[in-house]
Structures are given as C-alpha cells and as structure tokens.
Protein backbone atom coordinates (compact mmCIF):
# COMPACT_ATOMS: atom_id res chain seq x y z
CA MET A 1 0.00 0.04 -0.39
CA GLU A 2 1.41 3.05 -0.84
CA SER A 3 -0.47 5.71 1.22
CA GLU A 4 3.13 8.09 2.02
CA MET A 5 5.43 9.39 0.10
CA SER A 6 8.58 8.90 1.24
CA PRO A 7 11.18 9.51 -1.63
CA SER A 8 14.59 7.97 -1.46
CA GLY A 9 17.44 11.07 -0.90
CA ALA A 10 18.43 12.94 2.52
CA LEU A 11 16.18 15.88 2.62
CA GLY A 12 18.32 19.13 1.61
CA GLU A 13 19.44 16.88 -1.42
CA LEU A 14 16.90 16.49 -3.96
CA VAL A 15 16.97 17.39 -7.44
CA THR A 16 13.49 18.61 -7.35
CA VAL A 17 11.66 18.80 -11.31
CA LEU A 18 8.26 20.40 -12.68
CA SER A 19 7.57 19.06 -16.14
CA ILE A 20 4.37 19.88 -18.15
CA ASP A 21 3.16 18.58 -21.80
CA GLY A 22 2.28 21.01 -24.53
CA GLY A 23 -1.46 20.84 -25.47
CA GLY A 24 -2.33 24.06 -26.69
CA VAL A 25 -5.73 25.26 -24.58
CA LYS A 26 -5.66 22.58 -22.82
CA GLY A 27 -3.06 24.22 -20.47
CA LEU A 28 -5.96 24.80 -18.34
CA ILE A 29 -5.90 21.83 -17.03
CA PRO A 30 -2.62 21.70 -15.64
CA GLY A 31 -3.01 25.05 -14.83
CA VAL A 32 -5.94 24.23 -12.37
CA VAL A 33 -3.42 21.47 -10.76
CA LEU A 34 -0.65 23.69 -10.56
CA ALA A 35 -2.97 26.50 -8.68
CA PHE A 36 -3.83 23.53 -6.06
CA LEU A 37 -0.47 22.13 -5.76
CA GLU A 38 1.00 26.10 -5.21
CA ALA A 39 -2.38 26.53 -3.18
CA GLU A 40 -0.66 23.47 -0.64
CA LEU A 41 2.31 25.21 -0.41
CA GLN A 42 1.45 28.29 0.89
CA LYS A 43 -0.58 26.37 3.67
CA LEU A 44 2.97 25.19 4.81
CA ASP A 45 4.70 28.32 4.00
CA GLY A 46 2.77 31.03 3.84
CA LYS A 47 0.84 33.35 1.25
CA GLU A 48 4.12 35.05 -0.32
CA VAL A 49 5.72 31.18 -1.60
CA ARG A 50 5.40 30.73 -5.14
CA LEU A 51 6.35 27.16 -7.19
CA ALA A 52 9.85 29.02 -8.26
CA ASP A 53 10.89 28.63 -5.12
CA TYR A 54 10.17 24.73 -4.64
CA PHE A 55 11.45 23.89 -8.23
CA ASP A 56 14.91 23.29 -9.43
CA VAL A 57 14.05 22.41 -12.66
CA ILE A 58 10.91 23.58 -14.36
CA ALA A 59 9.79 22.37 -18.15
CA GLY A 60 8.14 23.39 -20.77
CA THR A 61 6.99 21.97 -23.88
CA SER A 62 4.80 24.35 -26.38
CA THR A 63 1.83 25.75 -23.80
CA GLY A 64 3.68 23.86 -20.71
CA GLY A 65 6.46 26.27 -22.07
CA LEU A 66 4.15 29.36 -21.72
CA ILE A 67 3.24 28.19 -18.33
CA THR A 68 6.95 27.95 -17.83
CA ALA A 69 7.62 31.03 -18.66
CA MET A 70 4.75 32.57 -16.69
CA ILE A 71 5.90 30.93 -13.16
CA THR A 72 9.35 31.45 -13.23
CA ALA A 73 10.44 34.86 -15.33
CA PRO A 74 11.20 37.44 -12.84
CA ASP A 75 8.94 40.83 -12.07
CA GLY A 76 10.65 44.34 -11.08
CA ASN A 77 10.83 42.62 -7.67
CA ASN A 78 12.71 39.73 -8.88
CA ARG A 79 9.62 37.34 -7.98
CA PRO A 80 7.76 35.41 -10.16
CA LEU A 81 5.44 37.62 -13.17
CA TYR A 82 2.53 35.03 -12.17
CA ALA A 83 1.39 33.14 -9.58
CA ALA A 84 -0.10 29.78 -10.48
CA LYS A 85 -3.58 30.54 -9.72
CA ASP A 86 -3.22 33.49 -12.62
CA ILE A 87 -3.32 30.90 -15.42
CA VAL A 88 -6.56 29.85 -15.45
CA PRO A 89 -7.49 33.06 -15.69
CA PHE A 90 -4.94 34.43 -18.42
CA TYR A 91 -6.14 31.29 -20.27
CA LEU A 92 -9.80 32.36 -20.29
CA LYS A 93 -9.11 35.77 -21.39
CA HIS A 94 -6.48 34.95 -23.82
CA SER A 95 -6.78 31.87 -25.43
CA PRO A 96 -9.67 33.15 -27.57
CA LYS A 97 -7.71 35.46 -28.99
CA ILE A 98 -4.60 33.32 -29.67
CA PHE A 99 -7.12 30.61 -31.19
CA PRO A 100 -9.99 33.00 -33.21
CA HIS A 101 -12.38 30.62 -34.58
CA LYS A 102 -14.22 32.89 -37.18
CA ASN A 103 -16.05 29.82 -38.98
CA SER A 104 -17.29 27.83 -36.70
CA GLY A 105 -19.87 24.21 -37.45
CA GLY A 106 -21.35 23.41 -40.61
CA LEU A 107 -20.49 21.89 -43.67
CA LEU A 108 -19.11 26.08 -44.64
CA GLY A 109 -16.95 25.91 -41.90
CA SER A 110 -15.74 22.33 -42.53
CA VAL A 111 -14.54 23.05 -45.89
CA VAL A 112 -13.38 26.62 -44.89
CA ASN A 113 -11.08 24.58 -42.01
CA LEU A 114 -9.69 22.54 -44.36
CA PHE A 115 -8.85 25.21 -47.05
CA GLY A 116 -6.69 26.65 -44.35
CA THR A 117 -4.78 23.72 -42.93
CA VAL A 118 -3.78 22.58 -46.79
CA ALA A 119 -3.03 26.47 -47.95
CA GLY A 120 -1.29 27.87 -44.60
CA PRO A 121 -1.22 27.55 -40.65
CA LYS A 122 -4.71 27.83 -39.21
CA TYR A 123 -3.67 31.07 -37.58
CA ASP A 124 -1.17 34.06 -37.79
CA GLY A 125 -0.32 33.79 -34.56
CA LYS A 126 0.11 38.16 -34.18
CA TYR A 127 -2.02 38.17 -31.35
CA LEU A 128 0.17 35.53 -29.40
CA HIS A 129 3.60 36.91 -30.45
CA SER A 130 2.23 40.58 -29.05
CA LEU A 131 1.12 39.26 -25.82
CA LEU A 132 4.37 37.04 -25.26
CA LYS A 133 6.39 39.93 -26.28
CA GLN A 134 4.59 42.12 -23.83
CA PHE A 135 4.74 40.37 -20.63
CA LEU A 136 7.89 39.09 -21.31
CA GLY A 137 9.78 41.95 -22.93
CA ASP A 138 13.48 41.49 -22.54
CA THR A 139 13.56 39.04 -20.17
CA LYS A 140 16.51 36.00 -21.65
CA MET A 141 16.78 32.35 -20.59
CA GLN A 142 19.46 33.08 -18.00
CA GLN A 143 17.42 35.55 -15.95
CA THR A 144 14.77 33.48 -15.00
CA LEU A 145 14.00 32.71 -11.37
CA SER A 146 14.35 28.87 -11.52
CA SER A 147 16.47 26.70 -14.13
CA ILE A 148 14.04 26.09 -17.04
CA VAL A 149 13.74 24.14 -20.00
CA ILE A 150 11.89 24.39 -23.12
CA PRO A 151 12.48 22.20 -26.35
CA ALA A 152 11.63 23.12 -30.04
CA PHE A 153 12.42 21.81 -33.25
CA ASP A 154 14.71 23.31 -35.76
CA ILE A 155 12.78 22.71 -39.12
CA LYS A 156 15.90 24.08 -41.37
CA LEU A 157 18.48 21.56 -39.31
CA LEU A 158 15.81 19.15 -38.58
CA GLN A 159 17.32 18.63 -35.31
CA PRO A 160 15.96 19.36 -31.71
CA VAL A 161 16.49 22.62 -30.36
CA ILE A 162 16.41 22.82 -26.17
CA PHE A 163 16.71 25.83 -24.51
CA SER A 164 17.71 25.94 -20.83
CA THR A 165 18.62 28.69 -18.41
CA GLY A 166 21.90 26.04 -17.68
CA GLU A 167 22.87 26.39 -21.16
CA ALA A 168 22.18 29.71 -21.73
CA LYS A 169 24.33 30.98 -19.37
CA ARG A 170 27.41 28.67 -20.71
CA ASP A 171 26.68 29.46 -24.25
CA VAL A 172 25.28 33.25 -24.87
CA THR A 173 23.79 32.00 -28.40
CA LYS A 174 20.93 30.28 -26.41
CA ASP A 175 20.97 33.04 -24.27
CA ALA A 176 17.84 33.80 -26.13
CA LEU A 177 14.52 35.77 -25.72
CA LEU A 178 12.23 34.05 -23.54
CA ALA A 179 9.58 35.23 -25.58
CA ASP A 180 11.22 34.10 -28.90
CA VAL A 181 11.79 30.77 -26.84
CA CYS A 182 8.33 30.63 -25.75
CA ILE A 183 7.11 31.34 -29.45
CA GLY A 184 9.46 28.85 -30.74
CA THR A 185 7.84 25.88 -28.80
CA SER A 186 4.61 26.90 -29.40
CA ALA A 187 4.75 26.73 -33.17
CA ALA A 188 2.74 23.75 -34.11
CA PRO A 189 2.90 22.63 -37.82
CA THR A 190 -0.80 23.59 -39.67
CA TYR A 191 -1.51 25.86 -36.90
CA PHE A 192 0.93 28.71 -35.99
CA PRO A 193 3.79 29.75 -38.59
CA ALA A 194 7.28 28.49 -37.63
CA HIS A 195 9.51 31.36 -35.87
CA TYR A 196 12.86 32.89 -36.67
CA PHE A 197 15.14 34.59 -34.33
CA GLU A 198 18.82 35.15 -33.90
CA THR A 199 20.84 35.46 -31.60
CA GLN A 200 24.46 36.75 -31.38
CA ASP A 201 28.11 36.09 -29.85
CA SER A 202 30.84 38.48 -28.21
CA ARG A 203 32.62 38.39 -31.62
CA GLY A 204 29.65 39.78 -33.40
CA ASN A 205 28.96 35.65 -35.01
CA ILE A 206 24.94 35.59 -36.11
CA ARG A 207 23.17 31.93 -34.83
CA SER A 208 20.10 31.67 -36.59
CA PHE A 209 16.96 29.74 -35.30
CA ASN A 210 14.08 27.84 -37.95
CA LEU A 211 11.73 26.86 -35.13
CA VAL A 212 8.35 24.69 -35.11
CA ASP A 213 6.48 23.49 -31.65
CA GLY A 214 8.64 21.57 -29.65
CA GLY A 215 6.29 19.35 -29.37
CA VAL A 216 7.61 17.62 -32.66
CA ALA A 217 10.84 16.68 -30.62
CA ALA A 218 9.06 16.04 -26.69
CA ASN A 219 5.60 16.95 -25.99
CA ASN A 220 6.54 15.41 -22.49
CA PRO A 221 9.75 17.30 -21.53
CA THR A 222 10.47 15.67 -18.29
CA LEU A 223 13.32 13.66 -19.54
CA LEU A 224 14.71 16.31 -20.93
CA ALA A 225 14.17 18.04 -17.27
CA MET A 226 16.29 14.97 -15.98
CA ASN A 227 18.69 14.76 -19.14
CA THR A 228 19.83 18.60 -18.10
CA VAL A 229 20.00 18.29 -14.60
CA THR A 230 22.32 14.90 -15.27
CA ASN A 231 24.51 17.41 -17.77
CA ASP A 232 24.80 19.97 -15.18
CA LEU A 233 26.35 17.61 -12.87
CA LEU A 234 28.78 16.43 -15.22
CA MET A 235 29.67 19.52 -15.97
CA LYS A 236 30.71 20.10 -12.43
CA ARG A 237 32.72 16.60 -12.33
CA GLU A 238 36.46 17.55 -12.89
CA ASP A 239 36.56 14.03 -13.62
CA LEU A 240 33.67 14.17 -16.29
CA ALA A 241 32.66 10.26 -14.58
CA PRO A 242 29.61 8.88 -15.27
CA VAL A 243 26.41 10.08 -12.92
CA LYS A 244 25.89 7.68 -9.78
CA ALA A 245 22.83 5.58 -10.39
CA ALA A 246 22.23 6.70 -6.80
CA ASP A 247 22.23 10.21 -8.41
CA TYR A 248 18.93 9.17 -10.05
CA LYS A 249 17.03 8.60 -6.75
CA LYS A 250 17.90 12.27 -5.65
CA TYR A 251 14.96 13.61 -8.45
CA LEU A 252 11.91 14.28 -7.31
CA ILE A 253 9.79 14.63 -10.17
CA LEU A 254 6.18 15.91 -10.91
CA SER A 255 5.00 15.69 -14.57
CA LEU A 256 1.27 16.93 -15.37
CA GLY A 257 -0.17 15.72 -19.19
CA THR A 258 -2.74 18.16 -20.79
CA GLY A 259 -5.23 14.67 -21.23
CA ASN A 260 -6.21 12.90 -24.23
CA ALA A 261 -8.62 10.93 -25.79
CA LYS A 262 -7.29 7.41 -25.62
CA ASN A 263 -10.38 5.96 -24.01
CA GLU A 264 -12.52 7.60 -26.95
CA GLN A 265 -11.07 4.66 -29.20
CA LYS A 266 -11.90 7.25 -32.80
CA TYR A 267 -9.52 5.52 -35.06
CA SER A 268 -9.20 2.09 -36.37
CA ALA A 269 -6.68 0.29 -38.96
CA SER A 270 -9.83 0.14 -41.23
CA VAL A 271 -10.39 3.83 -41.00
CA VAL A 272 -7.05 5.01 -41.27
CA SER A 273 -6.10 2.53 -44.22
CA LYS A 274 -8.03 4.67 -46.58
CA TRP A 275 -6.58 8.07 -45.85
CA GLY A 276 -4.17 10.00 -48.13
CA VAL A 277 -2.20 13.08 -47.30
CA LEU A 278 -5.31 15.26 -46.53
CA GLY A 279 -7.25 12.69 -44.11
CA TRP A 280 -4.16 12.42 -42.09
CA LEU A 281 -3.69 16.31 -41.96
CA TYR A 282 -7.53 17.27 -41.30
CA ASP A 283 -10.41 15.25 -39.46
CA GLY A 284 -13.51 16.84 -37.54
CA GLY A 285 -10.86 20.06 -37.30
CA ILE A 286 -8.34 17.65 -35.47
CA VAL A 287 -4.89 17.07 -37.06
CA PRO A 288 -4.57 13.41 -36.43
CA LEU A 289 -1.07 13.41 -37.28
CA ILE A 290 0.29 15.46 -35.08
CA ASP A 291 -2.21 13.89 -32.22
CA VAL A 292 -0.14 10.71 -33.13
CA PHE A 293 3.22 11.84 -33.27
CA THR A 294 2.75 14.02 -29.65
CA GLN A 295 0.91 11.18 -28.12
CA ALA A 296 3.42 8.78 -28.88
CA SER A 297 6.19 11.40 -27.35
CA GLU A 298 4.23 11.76 -24.36
CA ASP A 299 3.84 7.99 -23.73
CA MET A 300 7.31 6.67 -24.28
CA VAL A 301 8.90 9.38 -22.01
CA ASP A 302 6.00 8.12 -19.07
CA ILE A 303 7.28 4.94 -19.92
CA HIS A 304 11.01 5.59 -19.94
CA VAL A 305 10.45 7.37 -16.61
CA SER A 306 8.10 4.90 -14.89
CA THR A 307 10.68 2.03 -16.12
CA LEU A 308 14.08 3.75 -14.54
CA PHE A 309 12.32 4.76 -11.28
CA LYS A 310 11.36 1.60 -10.74
CA ALA A 311 14.36 -0.17 -11.38
CA PHE A 312 15.97 2.10 -8.72
CA GLN A 313 13.07 1.06 -6.61
CA SER A 314 11.91 5.00 -6.52
CA GLN A 315 8.75 4.99 -7.41
CA LYS A 316 7.55 6.97 -5.41
CA ASN A 317 9.75 10.15 -6.42
CA TYR A 318 7.51 10.46 -9.91
CA LEU A 319 4.33 11.40 -9.91
CA ARG A 320 2.41 11.59 -13.49
CA ILE A 321 -0.93 13.22 -13.58
CA GLU A 322 -2.58 12.58 -16.86
CA THR A 323 -6.18 11.75 -18.08
CA ASP A 324 -7.19 9.25 -20.67
CA ASP A 325 -10.92 10.13 -21.11
CA LEU A 326 -11.32 13.47 -22.84
CA GLU A 327 -13.79 13.46 -26.09
CA GLY A 328 -14.70 15.61 -28.35
CA ASN A 329 -14.06 19.22 -28.25
CA THR A 330 -12.13 19.23 -24.88
CA SER A 331 -9.33 16.93 -26.63
CA SER A 332 -8.89 19.76 -29.31
CA VAL A 333 -6.26 22.10 -28.80
CA ASP A 334 -7.70 24.81 -29.92
CA ILE A 335 -11.53 25.29 -29.11
CA SER A 336 -11.70 27.99 -27.49
CA THR A 337 -14.78 28.78 -26.96
CA GLU A 338 -16.40 29.59 -23.36
CA GLU A 339 -18.11 26.55 -23.03
CA ASN A 340 -15.20 24.01 -23.70
CA MET A 341 -12.46 26.24 -21.48
CA ARG A 342 -15.06 25.58 -18.38
CA ASN A 343 -15.53 21.96 -19.55
CA LEU A 344 -11.54 21.82 -19.76
CA ILE A 345 -11.02 23.74 -16.14
CA LYS A 346 -14.11 20.85 -14.51
CA ILE A 347 -11.85 18.27 -15.90
CA GLY A 348 -9.06 19.60 -13.91
CA GLU A 349 -10.67 19.71 -10.74
CA ALA A 350 -11.82 16.48 -11.69
CA GLN A 351 -8.59 15.17 -12.12
CA LEU A 352 -8.24 15.99 -8.34
CA GLU A 353 -10.35 13.67 -7.06
CA LYS A 354 -9.39 10.71 -9.24
CA GLY A 355 -7.26 7.95 -7.78
CA LEU A 356 -3.26 8.11 -8.39
CA SER A 357 -2.76 6.25 -11.30
CA ARG A 358 0.81 5.44 -13.19
CA VAL A 359 0.94 3.77 -17.14
CA ASN A 360 0.80 0.20 -17.49
CA LEU A 361 4.15 -0.80 -19.37
CA ASP A 362 2.56 -3.16 -21.35
CA THR A 363 -0.55 -1.11 -22.58
CA GLY A 364 0.65 2.40 -22.19
CA MET A 365 -2.66 3.07 -20.15
CA SER A 366 -3.07 4.75 -16.68
CA GLU A 367 -4.20 2.47 -14.07
CA VAL A 368 -5.56 3.73 -10.81
CA VAL A 369 -3.06 2.12 -8.14
CA GLU A 370 -4.82 0.26 -5.52
CA GLY A 371 -4.57 2.07 -2.00
CA ALA A 372 -2.46 4.90 -3.08
CA GLY A 373 -5.47 7.38 -3.14
CA THR A 374 -6.42 10.26 -5.01
CA ASN A 375 -4.27 13.07 -6.95
CA ARG A 376 -5.24 15.55 -4.32
CA ALA A 377 -3.95 13.36 -1.33
CA ALA A 378 -0.67 12.90 -3.62
CA LEU A 379 -0.17 16.49 -4.07
CA ILE A 380 -0.98 17.10 -0.68
CA ARG A 381 1.94 14.83 0.14
CA PHE A 382 3.98 16.12 -2.58
CA ALA A 383 3.43 19.85 -0.94
CA GLU A 384 4.75 18.04 2.66
CA VAL A 385 8.06 17.09 0.78
CA LEU A 386 8.59 20.04 -1.31
CA SER A 387 8.47 22.18 2.16
CA ASN A 388 10.64 19.74 3.94
CA GLU A 389 13.37 19.83 1.59
CA ARG A 390 13.14 24.04 0.69
CA ARG A 391 13.12 24.02 5.15
CA ALA A 392 16.13 21.80 5.15
CA ARG A 393 17.60 23.92 2.72
CA LEU A 394 17.68 26.97 4.08
CA ALA A 395 18.72 25.26 7.63
CA LYS A 396 21.64 23.88 5.71
CA TYR A 397 22.16 27.66 4.21
CA ALA A 398 22.13 29.14 7.32
CA TRP A 399 24.52 27.15 8.88
CA GLN A 400 27.26 27.53 6.36
CA SER A 401 26.79 30.98 6.21
CA GLY A 402 26.92 31.36 9.91
CA SER A 403 23.71 32.91 10.13
C-alpha cells in the first residue's frame, strides 16, 4: 500500500523537477493542478511563496513552455510574474484571441478550415507573438528564477533545439529572449507559422533559429529536464565520470499532462488505411498526424521514466498526473469557446479527485494504484515533501553562512 510519499534521497539534497506537457488550450488542465499545489505550499509556508521557490528545474513544451515562462520569469521585484492561481484566468482571457474561430460548425466551416489547413497555418500567431513580447519583454533565458527547459525543433537543421537556463549561462547564443523561445516552442505545424530569430555571440557571430513546436521533439519534457540536470552534474565533475545510479534516486518529479482521448478509441486501422495526405492532416477539426506523434512522444517518455524509477525502486519519487478520457471538443488543442474552456477547467478539478494512476508498461494506459489515494492526496503529500526540502536547504544555507 502506497499511503505515503517517502522519496529516496536525503532532505536538502533532492533535485526537484516540474514538467508540463504541450496541448494548446488544454493547458487549463495542468493550470488547475498547479494552482492547487501552490495553494497547498502556501498553507505550509505563507502566502508569498511561489512554485519557483521549490522546483530546481521547470520544463515545459508548447503551452507548457508558456506556463513555465509565466511562473519563472522575474518581475521588477525579482519574484515570479504570475502566481499559479493566475494561469487559468490568463488562459480564459487570451485563448479566444490566440485561437480565434471565425468559421465554426456546419459544412461551410469545415470546408474553410480544411482549405486553411492545406493553404497555410490555421492562425497567423500575431496575437500570441504580441502577448508574449509584451509580458516577457527583454527577459532572457538565463534570468529565470528557476532553471527552465523548453524544447523546440529547428526545421532547417531537422533537429531538436533544447533551450535551458544552464546552457544559456554557458553559451551566449542560447541565451535567447524568453519570448522568442516561447513563440518557437508553440509554433505547432498547421496551427501557427514557424518562428525565426537570431542571437549573437560576443564576437558578433550570428546564430539563426528556424523553429517549430517543441512537441515535434518532446511533447512530454520530463526526460529533457532529467537530462539537463545530469548534464549540469557532469559539468561540475572534474573527472567527467558517469553520474552514479544513486544520483537518480535524488530526483523528485511532478509531471503534468494535458489530457488525451485514448478511451474514445476514435480511429482504427480500417479507417486510417483509407486516408491520404488530407485525411492525416484534417479530420473533424483535428490534425490526426500531430495527435499521433505528440501522444507517442508523451507515452514513450512516461514509460521510460516509469521504468527507470521502478528499476531504482524509487517509484514514489515520480508523480505523473494525466487523464485518458477526453472526448469531443475537450480533446482539441484550439477550441477556445467559453463552454469548452469551462469544461477543461472541470476536467482539471475532476483530476484532483481521481485515484493516483501509473502507466501500465504493457498497454500504455494509466491504471489506478490500489490504496494510493487520490491525486489530491498525492499532491498534498508532494507539497509537504517540497516544503520540507526547502526548509532543509534554508537551514543548511543558514548553518554554512553562520547566520
């Protein structure tokens, strides 16, 4: 019975990681979860604390990258621009302008949307670009309050590009504007145009980036966050020896999905075998091809991380919260009607009351862990561990500084 979260690793030495999947307007779901977690932390440590005070690394892809920027970019007082409770109102206010639906419903709407998907991006991205540049301003990657990791994909080089705070401090050409990184990681093919920007080193050499959505590389960025921490550990080791297995037991990871429609079982081989290019690009307002590779990416990462933590007997160090039962409009990344967004919020709230689940390594489906309680209870325990870890660090720092 897993009634308690008792992570491996001594307090004061854990590596705390938050990972947020991509998913467009479905970012409302992890937004609800994060608001709950931060509220629990505030019960323990005061109203002024924020998520960035607890997580060493925060990783986000696409909409997860936007949330990452919101909760780690500094304001004028060097505190996070947004509290977690502000995420949902932010999405409610801005999503309808990021994903404007001028033609919806009926045969005409379907024809127009299909033509738009074939002829060019569904949205011009102007509002999103303006919004990000407005609230992030001149903030660069190395200025974030926690170390962050945001993936994108360089369509010119045909390879992933991983932006991180640590690398930005080591390589000035990766110290890009946070707004540019967020635009790049959100540039989902068929939905938004690719994003181009340049950086410059101290000698004036130009580095160019031609970016599309980070979901192409890693819609679930949990492994990327772990890799970033591992690389940072290696950089600090003079002998560059391999990181020990015991080091992995120090990870404390919260990974948040944005939901999927697995349980709907919408497609079958008999259906998709008849599709050509257009069928894979458009089906009732959804782009099946993108759904396929983003879902595959999410699941493979979850399976790998679950296997790794199971091998090290550290399952309690990894908490993944995801739902497989989205259906209809709620499974779409861009339907930003008031009704659909409210439904997504309800799904996020319902997630808290569901039983804690783990992926079945054979089927890929999430299954409730008997005796583990609800996600709400798991998050409360997680908050307690985070609070104790922070207190242990503060006490250690006070002892070392002699104060």
